[in-house]
Amino acid sequence: MDLITEEHRRQYVEEGYFVLPEAIPRPHLELLRNSCDVLMELMHREMDRLGTNHIHISHRGKRYHIAKQYAQAPGLANYVFSDLMAEVCRATIGDTAFLFYDQYVVKAAEQGIEFSWHQDGGYLGFPHAPYVTVWAAVDDMTVENGTTYVLPFSTVGIRTLVEHVRNPVTGDKTGYFGSEPGIPAIVRAGSLVVFSSLTFHRSGANSTDRMRRAYVTQYSPQPIRRPDDGELMHLGVPFLQSGSIVRGH
């Protein structure tokens, strides 16, 4: 697809992230929106079944993190294992890639909770070969609706995994407590923010009257296993081998 330039590659290595404005084809953007509706409804049913308004770091009517459910939304795998995702993986982690994790991150209108500064690897809690996070804007993103912010490596001065502290109320983990504001991703729907599992990022609250949706996919250069017992963590679905897609639609 040749959307990713040498400048993107250099920025990923030196700063830990890059942005691809409006890179998602329109049919796949509509697929992401429809899939979000399907998976939010399934999340509500599960909350009802359990008699709760809070599952892990999802809070009914406020913030939703719907993880590892791509197979439950018809057609969503067409995006997850697309040529676009393959190009991102080749440019960041190389010619071998596994789907490690996927999740919708939704902030309800005039409700969404802030998400604190963290490295995605901080939720693993152990050293790992860095993986790539592909944050897709399902809606137009602004400061007001709680877009994501990134801290470039050169700003924070950290390129390695650090210890994170969990908030017992929200379930969030925080790894940076400094005063740097970060760079907000003010992007149109269909844009991608691509960053390393070692890159600090956060998101704000949604103060608008519309829902704010993002879809995150993460790809690792090898299956990630727990160091204590070798058990596979999360998904580990083969995607790329020698640069070619081996997990079809």
Protein backbone atom coordinates (compact mmCIF):
# COMPACT_ATOMS: atom_id res chain seq x y z
CA MET A 1 0.00 0.00 0.00
CA ASP A 2 3.06 2.23 0.46
CA LEU A 3 1.41 4.55 2.99
CA ILE A 4 4.35 4.35 5.37
CA THR A 5 7.42 6.38 4.45
CA GLU A 6 11.01 6.22 5.63
CA GLU A 7 10.23 9.27 7.76
CA HIS A 8 7.48 7.31 9.52
CA ARG A 9 9.89 4.46 10.15
CA ARG A 10 12.55 6.81 11.50
CA GLN A 11 10.07 8.55 13.80
CA TYR A 12 8.88 5.21 15.17
CA VAL A 13 12.44 4.22 16.07
CA GLU A 14 13.49 7.62 17.44
CA GLU A 15 10.26 8.85 19.04
CA GLY A 16 8.15 5.72 19.48
CA TYR A 17 5.16 6.65 17.30
CA PHE A 18 3.81 8.03 14.03
CA VAL A 19 0.41 9.06 12.62
CA LEU A 20 -1.29 8.01 9.37
CA PRO A 21 -4.14 10.47 8.64
CA GLU A 22 -7.34 8.92 7.24
CA ALA A 23 -5.59 5.70 6.24
CA ILE A 24 -8.47 3.27 6.82
CA PRO A 25 -10.53 2.52 3.69
CA ARG A 26 -14.14 3.70 4.01
CA PRO A 27 -15.67 0.17 3.99
CA HIS A 28 -13.39 -0.86 6.86
CA LEU A 29 -14.25 2.31 8.80
CA GLU A 30 -17.95 1.47 8.52
CA LEU A 31 -17.11 -2.09 9.59
CA LEU A 32 -15.36 -0.75 12.71
CA ARG A 33 -18.39 1.36 13.61
CA ASN A 34 -20.89 -1.45 13.14
CA SER A 35 -18.70 -3.90 15.06
CA CYS A 36 -18.47 -1.50 17.98
CA ASP A 37 -22.27 -1.44 18.26
CA VAL A 38 -22.39 -5.24 18.25
CA LEU A 39 -19.71 -5.64 20.92
CA MET A 40 -21.10 -2.92 23.21
CA GLU A 41 -24.44 -4.72 23.20
CA LEU A 42 -22.70 -7.98 24.13
CA MET A 43 -20.86 -6.16 26.95
CA HIS A 44 -24.15 -4.83 28.34
CA ARG A 45 -25.63 -8.32 28.28
CA GLU A 46 -22.64 -9.66 30.23
CA MET A 47 -22.93 -6.87 32.81
CA ASP A 48 -26.62 -7.67 33.21
CA ARG A 49 -25.84 -11.35 33.62
CA LEU A 50 -23.29 -10.61 36.33
CA GLY A 51 -25.44 -7.96 38.01
CA THR A 52 -22.77 -5.29 37.79
CA ASN A 53 -21.97 -2.01 36.03
CA HIS A 54 -18.21 -2.56 36.12
CA ILE A 55 -16.14 -5.26 34.43
CA HIS A 56 -12.35 -4.88 34.74
CA ILE A 57 -11.76 -1.29 33.52
CA SER A 58 -15.12 -0.95 31.73
CA HIS A 59 -17.79 1.19 33.42
CA ARG A 60 -21.37 1.11 32.09
CA GLY A 61 -22.38 4.37 30.43
CA LYS A 62 -18.95 5.91 30.99
CA ARG A 63 -16.03 4.00 29.52
CA TYR A 64 -15.74 0.67 27.72
CA HIS A 65 -12.70 -1.50 27.06
CA ILE A 66 -13.97 -4.48 25.07
CA ALA A 67 -11.04 -6.82 24.62
CA LYS A 68 -10.26 -9.91 22.53
CA GLN A 69 -13.70 -10.07 20.96
CA TYR A 70 -12.93 -9.43 17.28
CA ALA A 71 -14.21 -12.88 16.32
CA GLN A 72 -17.62 -12.05 17.83
CA ALA A 73 -18.27 -9.20 15.38
CA PRO A 74 -19.01 -10.46 11.85
CA GLY A 75 -16.35 -9.35 9.39
CA LEU A 76 -14.12 -7.52 11.87
CA ALA A 77 -11.25 -9.92 11.10
CA ASN A 78 -11.14 -8.39 7.61
CA TYR A 79 -9.73 -5.24 9.20
CA VAL A 80 -7.63 -6.94 11.88
CA PHE A 81 -5.77 -9.04 9.28
CA SER A 82 -5.85 -6.49 6.46
CA ASP A 83 -3.15 -5.36 4.06
CA LEU A 84 -3.03 -2.06 5.95
CA MET A 85 -2.24 -3.79 9.25
CA ALA A 86 0.36 -5.91 7.47
CA GLU A 87 2.09 -2.78 6.18
CA VAL A 88 2.14 -1.27 9.67
CA CYS A 89 3.63 -4.45 11.13
CA ARG A 90 6.35 -4.73 8.48
CA ALA A 91 7.36 -1.10 9.11
CA THR A 92 7.54 -1.45 12.90
CA ILE A 93 8.12 -4.97 14.22
CA GLY A 94 9.25 -6.73 11.04
CA ASP A 95 8.15 -9.51 8.72
CA THR A 96 6.88 -11.86 11.45
CA ALA A 97 3.80 -10.80 13.36
CA PHE A 98 1.15 -12.26 15.64
CA LEU A 99 -2.11 -10.64 16.71
CA PHE A 100 -1.52 -10.17 20.42
CA TYR A 101 -4.58 -8.21 21.54
CA ASP A 102 -7.51 -6.17 20.29
CA GLN A 103 -9.98 -3.90 22.04
CA TYR A 104 -12.53 -1.16 21.55
CA VAL A 105 -12.00 1.89 23.75
CA VAL A 106 -15.23 3.88 24.01
CA LYS A 107 -15.94 7.04 26.00
CA ALA A 108 -19.64 7.79 26.36
CA ALA A 109 -21.04 11.26 25.62
CA GLU A 110 -20.34 13.73 28.46
CA GLN A 111 -19.16 10.83 30.59
CA GLY A 112 -15.86 9.27 29.55
CA ILE A 113 -13.25 8.76 32.24
CA GLU A 114 -9.65 9.86 31.73
CA PHE A 115 -7.04 7.16 31.16
CA SER A 116 -3.70 7.73 32.87
CA TRP A 117 -0.16 7.80 31.45
CA HIS A 118 1.03 4.26 30.80
CA GLN A 119 3.03 2.03 28.52
CA ASP A 120 1.00 -0.82 27.06
CA GLY A 121 3.81 -3.10 28.22
CA GLY A 122 3.11 -1.88 31.75
CA TYR A 123 0.01 -4.07 31.76
CA LEU A 124 2.25 -7.08 31.14
CA GLY A 125 4.56 -6.18 33.97
CA PHE A 126 7.60 -8.04 32.65
CA PRO A 127 10.28 -7.41 29.98
CA HIS A 128 9.22 -8.35 26.46
CA ALA A 129 10.13 -7.85 22.83
CA PRO A 130 8.34 -4.56 22.09
CA TYR A 131 5.08 -4.94 20.20
CA VAL A 132 3.16 -2.37 18.17
CA THR A 133 -0.17 -0.76 19.02
CA VAL A 134 -2.37 0.48 16.18
CA TRP A 135 -4.90 2.98 17.56
CA ALA A 136 -7.66 3.59 15.02
CA ALA A 137 -9.88 6.67 15.25
CA VAL A 138 -13.41 5.39 14.65
CA ASP A 139 -14.73 8.95 15.14
CA ASP A 140 -13.14 12.36 14.59
CA MET A 141 -10.80 12.93 17.54
CA THR A 142 -10.42 16.16 19.50
CA VAL A 143 -9.12 17.28 22.88
CA GLU A 144 -12.75 17.79 23.92
CA ASN A 145 -13.84 14.21 23.20
CA GLY A 146 -10.86 12.60 24.90
CA THR A 147 -8.38 11.76 22.17
CA THR A 148 -5.15 9.92 22.88
CA TYR A 149 -1.90 11.74 23.76
CA VAL A 150 1.60 10.38 23.24
CA LEU A 151 4.91 11.23 24.93
CA PRO A 152 7.78 11.05 22.42
CA PHE A 153 10.85 9.16 23.59
CA SER A 154 12.92 12.35 23.32
CA THR A 155 10.51 14.22 25.60
CA VAL A 156 10.10 11.71 28.40
CA GLY A 157 13.63 10.31 28.15
CA ILE A 158 12.41 6.74 28.71
CA ARG A 159 12.70 3.95 26.14
CA THR A 160 12.44 0.94 28.44
CA LEU A 161 9.69 -0.67 30.49
CA VAL A 162 9.08 0.96 33.88
CA GLU A 163 7.11 -0.19 36.91
CA HIS A 164 3.43 0.82 36.89
CA VAL A 165 1.09 1.42 39.84
CA ARG A 166 -2.54 0.24 39.67
CA ASN A 167 -5.39 2.52 40.75
CA PRO A 168 -7.68 0.32 42.89
CA VAL A 169 -10.78 2.35 41.97
CA THR A 170 -10.53 2.56 38.16
CA GLY A 171 -8.25 -0.41 37.52
CA ASP A 172 -5.88 1.80 35.52
CA LYS A 173 -2.12 1.44 35.71
CA THR A 174 0.10 4.54 35.75
CA GLY A 175 3.79 4.64 34.89
CA TYR A 176 4.50 8.36 34.41
CA PHE A 177 3.76 11.01 37.02
CA GLY A 178 5.58 13.99 35.50
CA SER A 179 4.23 17.27 34.15
CA GLU A 180 4.75 16.81 30.41
CA PRO A 181 1.38 17.32 28.64
CA GLY A 182 2.11 15.07 25.65
CA ILE A 183 1.02 15.48 22.03
CA PRO A 184 -2.72 15.13 21.34
CA ALA A 185 -3.85 13.20 18.26
CA ILE A 186 -6.23 15.66 16.63
CA VAL A 187 -7.22 13.48 13.69
CA ARG A 188 -10.17 12.66 11.46
CA ALA A 189 -12.05 9.37 11.63
CA GLY A 190 -10.13 6.63 9.83
CA SER A 191 -6.72 7.84 11.00
CA LEU A 192 -4.16 5.64 12.74
CA VAL A 193 -1.84 6.46 15.61
CA VAL A 194 0.90 3.83 15.68
CA PHE A 195 3.13 3.46 18.74
CA SER A 196 5.40 1.05 20.58
CA SER A 197 4.43 -0.92 23.68
CA LEU A 198 7.14 1.17 25.39
CA THR A 199 5.63 4.54 24.41
CA PHE A 200 3.76 6.44 27.12
CA HIS A 201 0.25 7.52 26.18
CA ARG A 202 -2.96 8.61 27.87
CA SER A 203 -6.41 9.90 26.95
CA GLY A 204 -8.72 12.58 28.29
CA ALA A 205 -12.38 12.63 29.27
CA ASN A 206 -15.14 13.10 26.73
CA SER A 207 -16.90 16.42 27.41
CA THR A 208 -18.90 16.44 24.15
CA ASP A 209 -22.46 15.28 23.50
CA ARG A 210 -21.33 12.40 21.26
CA MET A 211 -19.75 9.02 21.91
CA ARG A 212 -16.02 8.76 21.15
CA ARG A 213 -14.82 5.40 19.78
CA ALA A 214 -11.37 4.00 19.05
CA TYR A 215 -10.31 0.50 18.07
CA VAL A 216 -6.93 -0.85 19.10
CA THR A 217 -5.07 -3.80 17.63
CA GLN A 218 -1.68 -4.95 18.88
CA TYR A 219 0.81 -7.14 17.04
CA SER A 220 3.90 -8.80 18.48
CA PRO A 221 6.99 -10.17 16.70
CA GLN A 222 6.58 -13.44 18.58
CA PRO A 223 3.94 -14.98 20.86
CA ILE A 224 4.13 -13.40 24.31
CA ARG A 225 4.32 -15.91 27.15
CA ARG A 226 4.33 -15.49 30.89
CA PRO A 227 7.88 -15.81 32.20
CA ASP A 228 6.90 -17.91 35.23
CA ASP A 229 5.11 -20.78 33.49
CA GLY A 230 5.42 -20.17 29.73
CA GLU A 231 1.66 -19.87 29.25
CA LEU A 232 0.53 -17.91 26.19
CA MET A 233 -0.79 -14.46 27.01
CA HIS A 234 -3.90 -13.20 25.23
CA LEU A 235 -4.23 -14.17 21.55
CA GLY A 236 -1.01 -15.04 19.72
CA VAL A 237 -2.74 -15.53 16.33
CA PRO A 238 -0.23 -15.91 13.45
CA PHE A 239 -0.56 -12.99 11.01
CA LEU A 240 2.68 -12.48 9.03
CA GLN A 241 5.39 -14.95 8.13
CA SER A 242 8.35 -13.81 6.00
CA GLY A 243 6.35 -10.67 5.29
CA SER A 244 3.32 -12.48 3.85
CA ILE A 245 -0.13 -12.70 5.40
CA VAL A 246 -0.74 -16.23 6.70
CA ARG A 247 -3.95 -15.46 8.63
CA GLY A 248 -6.56 -14.82 5.94
CA HIS A 249 -9.87 -13.04 6.07
